[in-house]
Each structure stands twice: as C-alpha cells, then as structure tokens.
Full PDB file with SEQRES, HELIX, SHEET, SSBOND, CRYST1, ORIGX, SCALE, CONECT and MASTER records, all heavy atoms in Angstrom:
SEQRES   1 A   35  ASP GLN VAL PHE ALA GLU PRO GLN ALA VAL ALA ARG GLY          
SEQRES   2 A   35  LEU THR VAL GLU GLN THR ARG PRO ASP LEU ASN ALA PRO          
SEQRES   3 A   35  VAL ARG THR VAL ALA SER PRO ILE ARG                          
HELIX    1 AA1 GLN A    2  ALA A    5  1                                   4    
HELIX    2 AA2 PRO A    7  ALA A   11  1                                   5    
SHEET    1 AA1 2 THR A  15  GLN A  18  0                                        
SHEET    2 AA1 2 VAL A  27  VAL A  30 -1                                        
CRYST1    1.000    1.000    1.000  90.00  90.00  90.00 P 1           1          
ORIGX1      1.000000  0.000000  0.000000        0.00000                         
ORIGX2      0.000000  1.000000  0.000000        0.00000                         
ORIGX3      0.000000  0.000000  1.000000        0.00000                         
SCALE1      1.000000  0.000000  0.000000        0.00000                         
SCALE2      0.000000  1.000000  0.000000        0.00000                         
SCALE3      0.000000  0.000000  1.000000        0.00000                         
ATOM      1  N   ASP A   1      -7.661  27.132   0.158  1.00  0.00           N  
ATOM      2  CA  ASP A   1      -8.699  26.104   0.112  1.00  0.00           C  
ATOM      3  C   ASP A   1      -8.147  24.773  -0.396  1.00  0.00           C  
ATOM      4  O   ASP A   1      -8.521  23.707   0.098  1.00  0.00           O  
ATOM      5  CB  ASP A   1      -9.875  26.556  -0.748  1.00  0.00           C  
ATOM      6  CG  ASP A   1     -10.722  27.618  -0.077  1.00  0.00           C  
ATOM      7  OD1 ASP A   1     -10.642  27.758   1.163  1.00  0.00           O  
ATOM      8  OD2 ASP A   1     -11.471  28.322  -0.787  1.00  0.00           O  
ATOM      9  N   GLN A   2      -7.261  24.827  -1.385  1.00  0.00           N  
ATOM     10  CA  GLN A   2      -6.668  23.598  -1.908  1.00  0.00           C  
ATOM     11  C   GLN A   2      -5.774  22.923  -0.875  1.00  0.00           C  
ATOM     12  O   GLN A   2      -5.721  21.696  -0.818  1.00  0.00           O  
ATOM     13  CB  GLN A   2      -5.874  23.894  -3.186  1.00  0.00           C  
ATOM     14  CG  GLN A   2      -6.747  24.255  -4.367  1.00  0.00           C  
ATOM     15  CD  GLN A   2      -5.948  24.824  -5.531  1.00  0.00           C  
ATOM     16  OE1 GLN A   2      -4.912  25.448  -5.349  1.00  0.00           O  
ATOM     17  NE2 GLN A   2      -6.452  24.601  -6.744  1.00  0.00           N  
ATOM     18  N   VAL A   3      -5.091  23.713  -0.074  1.00  0.00           N  
ATOM     19  CA  VAL A   3      -4.239  23.134   0.975  1.00  0.00           C  
ATOM     20  C   VAL A   3      -5.079  22.288   1.917  1.00  0.00           C  
ATOM     21  O   VAL A   3      -4.731  21.151   2.240  1.00  0.00           O  
ATOM     22  CB  VAL A   3      -3.510  24.244   1.769  1.00  0.00           C  
ATOM     23  CG1 VAL A   3      -2.881  23.687   3.046  1.00  0.00           C  
ATOM     24  CG2 VAL A   3      -2.455  24.913   0.909  1.00  0.00           C  
ATOM     25  N   PHE A   4      -6.199  22.818   2.358  1.00  0.00           N  
ATOM     26  CA  PHE A   4      -7.038  22.094   3.309  1.00  0.00           C  
ATOM     27  C   PHE A   4      -7.736  20.888   2.678  1.00  0.00           C  
ATOM     28  O   PHE A   4      -8.105  19.953   3.384  1.00  0.00           O  
ATOM     29  CB  PHE A   4      -8.058  23.031   3.946  1.00  0.00           C  
ATOM     30  CG  PHE A   4      -7.436  24.000   4.923  1.00  0.00           C  
ATOM     31  CD1 PHE A   4      -7.428  25.353   4.666  1.00  0.00           C  
ATOM     32  CD2 PHE A   4      -6.838  23.556   6.088  1.00  0.00           C  
ATOM     33  CE1 PHE A   4      -6.849  26.256   5.553  1.00  0.00           C  
ATOM     34  CE2 PHE A   4      -6.252  24.441   6.987  1.00  0.00           C  
ATOM     35  CZ  PHE A   4      -6.255  25.791   6.720  1.00  0.00           C  
ATOM     36  N   ALA A   5      -7.905  20.893   1.354  1.00  0.00           N  
ATOM     37  CA  ALA A   5      -8.551  19.776   0.665  1.00  0.00           C  
ATOM     38  C   ALA A   5      -7.549  18.738   0.167  1.00  0.00           C  
ATOM     39  O   ALA A   5      -7.946  17.663  -0.290  1.00  0.00           O  
ATOM     40  CB  ALA A   5      -9.375  20.304  -0.515  1.00  0.00           C  
ATOM     41  N   GLU A   6      -6.265  19.034   0.243  1.00  0.00           N  
ATOM     42  CA  GLU A   6      -5.220  18.122  -0.235  1.00  0.00           C  
ATOM     43  C   GLU A   6      -5.374  16.774   0.468  1.00  0.00           C  
ATOM     44  O   GLU A   6      -5.438  16.709   1.701  1.00  0.00           O  
ATOM     45  CB  GLU A   6      -3.847  18.736   0.056  1.00  0.00           C  
ATOM     46  CG  GLU A   6      -2.686  17.943  -0.449  1.00  0.00           C  
ATOM     47  CD  GLU A   6      -2.572  17.936  -1.958  1.00  0.00           C  
ATOM     48  OE1 GLU A   6      -2.894  18.945  -2.610  1.00  0.00           O  
ATOM     49  OE2 GLU A   6      -2.148  16.893  -2.482  1.00  0.00           O  
ATOM     50  N   PRO A   7      -5.460  15.680  -0.284  1.00  0.00           N  
ATOM     51  CA  PRO A   7      -5.694  14.366   0.336  1.00  0.00           C  
ATOM     52  C   PRO A   7      -4.717  14.023   1.462  1.00  0.00           C  
ATOM     53  O   PRO A   7      -5.110  13.457   2.481  1.00  0.00           O  
ATOM     54  CB  PRO A   7      -5.554  13.392  -0.837  1.00  0.00           C  
ATOM     55  CG  PRO A   7      -5.930  14.203  -2.037  1.00  0.00           C  
ATOM     56  CD  PRO A   7      -5.425  15.591  -1.755  1.00  0.00           C  
ATOM     57  N   GLN A   8      -3.456  14.368   1.309  1.00  0.00           N  
ATOM     58  CA  GLN A   8      -2.471  14.064   2.340  1.00  0.00           C  
ATOM     59  C   GLN A   8      -2.753  14.865   3.619  1.00  0.00           C  
ATOM     60  O   GLN A   8      -2.629  14.349   4.730  1.00  0.00           O  
ATOM     61  CB  GLN A   8      -1.075  14.362   1.814  1.00  0.00           C  
ATOM     62  CG  GLN A   8       0.050  13.769   2.608  1.00  0.00           C  
ATOM     63  CD  GLN A   8       0.027  12.257   2.705  1.00  0.00           C  
ATOM     64  OE1 GLN A   8      -0.317  11.739   3.755  1.00  0.00           O  
ATOM     65  NE2 GLN A   8       0.388  11.561   1.651  1.00  0.00           N  
ATOM     66  N   ALA A   9      -3.160  16.132   3.447  1.00  0.00           N  
ATOM     67  CA  ALA A   9      -3.490  16.969   4.606  1.00  0.00           C  
ATOM     68  C   ALA A   9      -4.727  16.429   5.328  1.00  0.00           C  
ATOM     69  O   ALA A   9      -4.779  16.407   6.559  1.00  0.00           O  
ATOM     70  CB  ALA A   9      -3.709  18.414   4.178  1.00  0.00           C  
ATOM     71  N   VAL A  10      -5.707  15.982   4.549  1.00  0.00           N  
ATOM     72  CA  VAL A  10      -6.927  15.414   5.141  1.00  0.00           C  
ATOM     73  C   VAL A  10      -6.590  14.123   5.882  1.00  0.00           C  
ATOM     74  O   VAL A  10      -6.994  13.934   7.030  1.00  0.00           O  
ATOM     75  CB  VAL A  10      -7.995  15.168   4.049  1.00  0.00           C  
ATOM     76  CG1 VAL A  10      -9.181  14.395   4.609  1.00  0.00           C  
ATOM     77  CG2 VAL A  10      -8.452  16.486   3.446  1.00  0.00           C  
ATOM     78  N   ALA A  11      -5.816  13.249   5.246  1.00  0.00           N  
ATOM     79  CA  ALA A  11      -5.480  11.956   5.854  1.00  0.00           C  
ATOM     80  C   ALA A  11      -4.675  12.118   7.142  1.00  0.00           C  
ATOM     81  O   ALA A  11      -4.843  11.335   8.078  1.00  0.00           O  
ATOM     82  CB  ALA A  11      -4.694  11.101   4.855  1.00  0.00           C  
ATOM     83  N   ARG A  12      -3.841  13.147   7.196  1.00  0.00           N  
ATOM     84  CA  ARG A  12      -3.008  13.356   8.384  1.00  0.00           C  
ATOM     85  C   ARG A  12      -3.687  14.250   9.424  1.00  0.00           C  
ATOM     86  O   ARG A  12      -3.121  14.526  10.472  1.00  0.00           O  
ATOM     87  CB  ARG A  12      -1.670  13.962   7.981  1.00  0.00           C  
ATOM     88  CG  ARG A  12      -0.869  12.982   7.108  1.00  0.00           C  
ATOM     89  CD  ARG A  12       0.560  13.368   6.949  1.00  0.00           C  
ATOM     90  NE  ARG A  12       1.226  13.253   8.246  1.00  0.00           N  
ATOM     91  CZ  ARG A  12       2.289  13.961   8.581  1.00  0.00           C  
ATOM     92  NH1 ARG A  12       2.809  14.819   7.736  1.00  0.00           N  
ATOM     93  NH2 ARG A  12       2.859  13.819   9.752  1.00  0.00           N  
ATOM     94  N   GLY A  13      -4.909  14.721   9.128  1.00  0.00           N  
ATOM     95  CA  GLY A  13      -5.642  15.553  10.084  1.00  0.00           C  
ATOM     96  C   GLY A  13      -4.951  16.875  10.348  1.00  0.00           C  
ATOM     97  O   GLY A  13      -4.870  17.319  11.494  1.00  0.00           O  
ATOM     98  N   LEU A  14      -4.478  17.538   9.298  1.00  0.00           N  
ATOM     99  CA  LEU A  14      -3.698  18.760   9.463  1.00  0.00           C  
ATOM    100  C   LEU A  14      -4.532  20.038   9.544  1.00  0.00           C  
ATOM    101  O   LEU A  14      -3.970  21.114   9.674  1.00  0.00           O  
ATOM    102  CB  LEU A  14      -2.662  18.881   8.337  1.00  0.00           C  
ATOM    103  CG  LEU A  14      -1.597  17.784   8.326  1.00  0.00           C  
ATOM    104  CD1 LEU A  14      -0.621  18.006   7.177  1.00  0.00           C  
ATOM    105  CD2 LEU A  14      -0.859  17.718   9.644  1.00  0.00           C  
ATOM    106  N   THR A  15      -5.837  19.924   9.475  1.00  0.00           N  
ATOM    107  CA  THR A  15      -6.682  21.106   9.617  1.00  0.00           C  
ATOM    108  C   THR A  15      -7.097  21.268  11.072  1.00  0.00           C  
ATOM    109  O   THR A  15      -7.574  20.317  11.703  1.00  0.00           O  
ATOM    110  CB  THR A  15      -7.950  20.991   8.745  1.00  0.00           C  
ATOM    111  OG1 THR A  15      -7.562  20.833   7.390  1.00  0.00           O  
ATOM    112  CG2 THR A  15      -8.823  22.224   8.876  1.00  0.00           C  
ATOM    113  N   VAL A  16      -6.893  22.458  11.592  1.00  0.00           N  
ATOM    114  CA  VAL A  16      -7.278  22.763  12.973  1.00  0.00           C  
ATOM    115  C   VAL A  16      -8.182  23.984  12.931  1.00  0.00           C  
ATOM    116  O   VAL A  16      -7.881  24.963  12.252  1.00  0.00           O  
ATOM    117  CB  VAL A  16      -6.036  23.081  13.838  1.00  0.00           C  
ATOM    118  CG1 VAL A  16      -6.440  23.503  15.235  1.00  0.00           C  
ATOM    119  CG2 VAL A  16      -5.100  21.898  13.880  1.00  0.00           C  
ATOM    120  N   GLU A  17      -9.297  23.925  13.624  1.00  0.00           N  
ATOM    121  CA  GLU A  17     -10.173  25.092  13.754  1.00  0.00           C  
ATOM    122  C   GLU A  17     -10.058  25.611  15.172  1.00  0.00           C  
ATOM    123  O   GLU A  17     -10.205  24.856  16.141  1.00  0.00           O  
ATOM    124  CB  GLU A  17     -11.615  24.737  13.416  1.00  0.00           C  
ATOM    125  CG  GLU A  17     -11.838  24.547  11.938  1.00  0.00           C  
ATOM    126  CD  GLU A  17     -13.307  24.599  11.538  1.00  0.00           C  
ATOM    127  OE1 GLU A  17     -14.172  24.827  12.406  1.00  0.00           O  
ATOM    128  OE2 GLU A  17     -13.567  24.408  10.349  1.00  0.00           O  
ATOM    129  N   GLN A  18      -9.781  26.902  15.274  1.00  0.00           N  
ATOM    130  CA  GLN A  18      -9.645  27.542  16.581  1.00  0.00           C  
ATOM    131  C   GLN A  18     -10.483  28.811  16.602  1.00  0.00           C  
ATOM    132  O   GLN A  18     -10.782  29.388  15.565  1.00  0.00           O  
ATOM    133  CB  GLN A  18      -8.176  27.864  16.850  1.00  0.00           C  
ATOM    134  CG  GLN A  18      -7.310  26.626  16.923  1.00  0.00           C  
ATOM    135  CD  GLN A  18      -5.850  26.966  17.048  1.00  0.00           C  
ATOM    136  OE1 GLN A  18      -5.342  27.770  16.305  1.00  0.00           O  
ATOM    137  NE2 GLN A  18      -5.187  26.338  18.004  1.00  0.00           N  
ATOM    138  N   THR A  19     -10.833  29.243  17.799  1.00  0.00           N  
ATOM    139  CA  THR A  19     -11.633  30.447  17.961  1.00  0.00           C  
ATOM    140  C   THR A  19     -10.761  31.573  18.481  1.00  0.00           C  
ATOM    141  O   THR A  19      -9.978  31.369  19.418  1.00  0.00           O  
ATOM    142  CB  THR A  19     -12.791  30.191  18.938  1.00  0.00           C  
ATOM    143  OG1 THR A  19     -13.562  29.096  18.435  1.00  0.00           O  
ATOM    144  CG2 THR A  19     -13.668  31.415  19.063  1.00  0.00           C  
ATOM    145  N   ARG A  20     -10.905  32.726  17.866  1.00  0.00           N  
ATOM    146  CA  ARG A  20     -10.229  33.928  18.364  1.00  0.00           C  
ATOM    147  C   ARG A  20     -11.294  34.856  18.909  1.00  0.00           C  
ATOM    148  O   ARG A  20     -12.341  35.044  18.293  1.00  0.00           O  
ATOM    149  CB  ARG A  20      -9.494  34.628  17.200  1.00  0.00           C  
ATOM    150  CG  ARG A  20      -8.034  34.420  17.269  1.00  0.00           C  
ATOM    151  CD  ARG A  20      -7.206  35.155  16.292  1.00  0.00           C  
ATOM    152  NE  ARG A  20      -7.696  36.421  15.801  1.00  0.00           N  
ATOM    153  CZ  ARG A  20      -7.259  36.990  14.690  1.00  0.00           C  
ATOM    154  NH1 ARG A  20      -6.340  36.416  13.961  1.00  0.00           N  
ATOM    155  NH2 ARG A  20      -7.728  38.140  14.302  1.00  0.00           N  
ATOM    156  N   PRO A  21     -11.051  35.485  20.062  1.00  0.00           N  
ATOM    157  CA  PRO A  21     -12.068  36.333  20.690  1.00  0.00           C  
ATOM    158  C   PRO A  21     -12.521  37.499  19.817  1.00  0.00           C  
ATOM    159  O   PRO A  21     -13.667  37.931  19.913  1.00  0.00           O  
ATOM    160  CB  PRO A  21     -11.377  36.855  21.943  1.00  0.00           C  
ATOM    161  CG  PRO A  21     -10.228  35.958  22.192  1.00  0.00           C  
ATOM    162  CD  PRO A  21      -9.840  35.366  20.870  1.00  0.00           C  
ATOM    163  N   ASP A  22     -11.661  38.000  18.938  1.00  0.00           N  
ATOM    164  CA  ASP A  22     -12.020  39.171  18.146  1.00  0.00           C  
ATOM    165  C   ASP A  22     -12.753  38.830  16.853  1.00  0.00           C  
ATOM    166  O   ASP A  22     -13.150  39.719  16.110  1.00  0.00           O  
ATOM    167  CB  ASP A  22     -10.772  40.001  17.831  1.00  0.00           C  
ATOM    168  CG  ASP A  22      -9.745  39.226  17.021  1.00  0.00           C  
ATOM    169  OD1 ASP A  22      -9.642  37.997  17.193  1.00  0.00           O  
ATOM    170  OD2 ASP A  22      -9.043  39.858  16.211  1.00  0.00           O  
ATOM    171  N   LEU A  23     -12.946  37.555  16.564  1.00  0.00           N  
ATOM    172  CA  LEU A  23     -13.630  37.138  15.336  1.00  0.00           C  
ATOM    173  C   LEU A  23     -14.921  36.407  15.665  1.00  0.00           C  
ATOM    174  O   LEU A  23     -15.039  35.772  16.704  1.00  0.00           O  
ATOM    175  CB  LEU A  23     -12.718  36.238  14.497  1.00  0.00           C  
ATOM    176  CG  LEU A  23     -11.408  36.866  14.021  1.00  0.00           C  
ATOM    177  CD1 LEU A  23     -10.568  35.826  13.295  1.00  0.00           C  
ATOM    178  CD2 LEU A  23     -11.675  38.061  13.121  1.00  0.00           C  
ATOM    179  N   ASN A  24     -15.851  36.466  14.745  1.00  0.00           N  
ATOM    180  CA  ASN A  24     -17.136  35.796  14.955  1.00  0.00           C  
ATOM    181  C   ASN A  24     -17.183  34.414  14.339  1.00  0.00           C  
ATOM    182  O   ASN A  24     -18.222  33.779  14.338  1.00  0.00           O  
ATOM    183  CB  ASN A  24     -18.269  36.643  14.377  1.00  0.00           C  
ATOM    184  CG  ASN A  24     -18.459  37.925  15.141  1.00  0.00           C  
ATOM    185  OD1 ASN A  24     -18.184  37.985  16.329  1.00  0.00           O  
ATOM    186  ND2 ASN A  24     -18.905  38.967  14.456  1.00  0.00           N  
ATOM    187  N   ALA A  25     -16.068  33.962  13.768  1.00  0.00           N  
ATOM    188  CA  ALA A  25     -16.047  32.660  13.107  1.00  0.00           C  
ATOM    189  C   ALA A  25     -14.758  31.938  13.472  1.00  0.00           C  
ATOM    190  O   ALA A  25     -13.760  32.569  13.812  1.00  0.00           O  
ATOM    191  CB  ALA A  25     -16.131  32.854  11.598  1.00  0.00           C  
ATOM    192  N   PRO A  26     -14.781  30.624  13.390  1.00  0.00           N  
ATOM    193  CA  PRO A  26     -13.554  29.875  13.659  1.00  0.00           C  
ATOM    194  C   PRO A  26     -12.483  30.208  12.612  1.00  0.00           C  
ATOM    195  O   PRO A  26     -12.795  30.563  11.482  1.00  0.00           O  
ATOM    196  CB  PRO A  26     -13.977  28.406  13.536  1.00  0.00           C  
ATOM    197  CG  PRO A  26     -15.441  28.396  13.394  1.00  0.00           C  
ATOM    198  CD  PRO A  26     -15.900  29.771  13.077  1.00  0.00           C  
ATOM    199  N   VAL A  27     -11.238  30.074  13.008  1.00  0.00           N  
ATOM    200  CA  VAL A  27     -10.112  30.283  12.117  1.00  0.00           C  
ATOM    201  C   VAL A  27      -9.529  28.915  11.785  1.00  0.00           C  
ATOM    202  O   VAL A  27      -9.201  28.141  12.690  1.00  0.00           O  
ATOM    203  CB  VAL A  27      -9.030  31.149  12.797  1.00  0.00           C  
ATOM    204  CG1 VAL A  27      -7.817  31.296  11.913  1.00  0.00           C  
ATOM    205  CG2 VAL A  27      -9.592  32.499  13.192  1.00  0.00           C  
ATOM    206  N   ARG A  28      -9.429  28.625  10.491  1.00  0.00           N  
ATOM    207  CA  ARG A  28      -8.794  27.369  10.076  1.00  0.00           C  
ATOM    208  C   ARG A  28      -7.295  27.599   9.967  1.00  0.00           C  
ATOM    209  O   ARG A  28      -6.847  28.545   9.330  1.00  0.00           O  
ATOM    210  CB  ARG A  28      -9.321  26.896   8.715  1.00  0.00           C  
ATOM    211  CG  ARG A  28     -10.642  26.237   8.776  1.00  0.00           C  
ATOM    212  CD  ARG A  28     -11.005  25.523   7.505  1.00  0.00           C  
ATOM    213  NE  ARG A  28     -10.737  26.320   6.305  1.00  0.00           N  
ATOM    214  CZ  ARG A  28     -10.876  25.878   5.067  1.00  0.00           C  
ATOM    215  NH1 ARG A  28     -11.257  24.650   4.846  1.00  0.00           N  
ATOM    216  NH2 ARG A  28     -10.628  26.661   4.051  1.00  0.00           N  
ATOM    217  N   THR A  29      -6.534  26.720  10.595  1.00  0.00           N  
ATOM    218  CA  THR A  29      -5.086  26.786  10.507  1.00  0.00           C  
ATOM    219  C   THR A  29      -4.554  25.396  10.182  1.00  0.00           C  
ATOM    220  O   THR A  29      -5.294  24.410  10.220  1.00  0.00           O  
ATOM    221  CB  THR A  29      -4.454  27.278  11.826  1.00  0.00           C  
ATOM    222  OG1 THR A  29      -4.763  26.358  12.863  1.00  0.00           O  
ATOM    223  CG2 THR A  29      -4.948  28.659  12.200  1.00  0.00           C  
ATOM    224  N   VAL A  30      -3.286  25.343   9.857  1.00  0.00           N  
ATOM    225  CA  VAL A  30      -2.649  24.079   9.540  1.00  0.00           C  
ATOM    226  C   VAL A  30      -1.892  23.600  10.772  1.00  0.00           C  
ATOM    227  O   VAL A  30      -1.084  24.332  11.339  1.00  0.00           O  
ATOM    228  CB  VAL A  30      -1.680  24.239   8.344  1.00  0.00           C  
ATOM    229  CG1 VAL A  30      -0.991  22.925   8.033  1.00  0.00           C  
ATOM    230  CG2 VAL A  30      -2.420  24.748   7.123  1.00  0.00           C  
ATOM    231  N   ALA A  31      -2.184  22.389  11.178  1.00  0.00           N  
ATOM    232  CA  ALA A  31      -1.498  21.792  12.326  1.00  0.00           C  
ATOM    233  C   ALA A  31      -0.061  21.472  11.947  1.00  0.00           C  
ATOM    234  O   ALA A  31       0.271  21.311  10.778  1.00  0.00           O  
ATOM    235  CB  ALA A  31      -2.223  20.523  12.756  1.00  0.00           C  
ATOM    236  N   SER A  32       0.768  21.345  12.933  1.00  0.00           N  
ATOM    237  CA  SER A  32       2.146  20.935  12.693  1.00  0.00           C  
ATOM    238  C   SER A  32       2.164  19.514  12.132  1.00  0.00           C  
ATOM    239  O   SER A  32       1.477  18.626  12.653  1.00  0.00           O  
ATOM    240  CB  SER A  32       2.940  20.971  13.998  1.00  0.00           C  
ATOM    241  OG  SER A  32       4.223  20.424  13.784  1.00  0.00           O  
ATOM    242  N   PRO A  33       2.935  19.271  11.089  1.00  0.00           N  
ATOM    243  CA  PRO A  33       3.031  17.907  10.563  1.00  0.00           C  
ATOM    244  C   PRO A  33       3.967  17.031  11.395  1.00  0.00           C  
ATOM    245  O   PRO A  33       4.052  15.835  11.179  1.00  0.00           O  
ATOM    246  CB  PRO A  33       3.610  18.131   9.158  1.00  0.00           C  
ATOM    247  CG  PRO A  33       4.392  19.389   9.277  1.00  0.00           C  
ATOM    248  CD  PRO A  33       3.662  20.240  10.278  1.00  0.00           C  
ATOM    249  N   ILE A  34       4.634  17.615  12.375  1.00  0.00           N  
ATOM    250  CA  ILE A  34       5.594  16.885  13.210  1.00  0.00           C  
ATOM    251  C   ILE A  34       4.838  16.025  14.213  1.00  0.00           C  
ATOM    252  O   ILE A  34       3.890  16.473  14.861  1.00  0.00           O  
ATOM    253  CB  ILE A  34       6.536  17.863  13.932  1.00  0.00           C  
ATOM    254  CG1 ILE A  34       7.346  18.655  12.901  1.00  0.00           C  
ATOM    255  CG2 ILE A  34       7.439  17.126  14.904  1.00  0.00           C  
ATOM    256  CD1 ILE A  34       8.126  19.810  13.481  1.00  0.00           C  
ATOM    257  N   ARG A  35       5.263  14.794  14.339  1.00  0.00           N  
ATOM    258  CA  ARG A  35       4.676  13.865  15.302  1.00  0.00           C  
ATOM    259  C   ARG A  35       5.786  13.417  16.255  1.00  0.00           C  
ATOM    260  O   ARG A  35       6.887  13.089  15.817  1.00  0.00           O  
ATOM    261  CB  ARG A  35       4.096  12.627  14.606  1.00  0.00           C  
ATOM    262  CG  ARG A  35       3.021  12.945  13.558  1.00  0.00           C  
ATOM    263  CD  ARG A  35       1.760  13.431  14.221  1.00  0.00           C  
ATOM    264  NE  ARG A  35       0.660  13.552  13.287  1.00  0.00           N  
ATOM    265  CZ  ARG A  35       0.223  14.693  12.795  1.00  0.00           C  
ATOM    266  NH1 ARG A  35       0.813  15.819  13.112  1.00  0.00           N  
ATOM    267  NH2 ARG A  35      -0.804  14.733  11.983  1.00  0.00           N  
TER     268      ARG A  35                                                      
MASTER        0    0    0    2    2    0    0    6  267    1    0    3          
END                                                                             
C-alpha cells in the first residue's frame, strides 16, 4: 500500500490496474519506470 501511495510513484503514474479472468477484482501492479 505504501508503494502505491509513494509520492514519486503517484507523480510518475506507476500504478496500473488490470483485470484477470480468474479474479473478481482488478489487480494493482507497478508499471515499468522505464520510459
């Protein structure tokens, strides 16, 4: 939770929500920091 709330992660848009067919909720993952 702290990773996703980290100001640098928020500013760089590093949170990605994706859907997996076997789950009923989105999965939060960390986007690549590479640009």
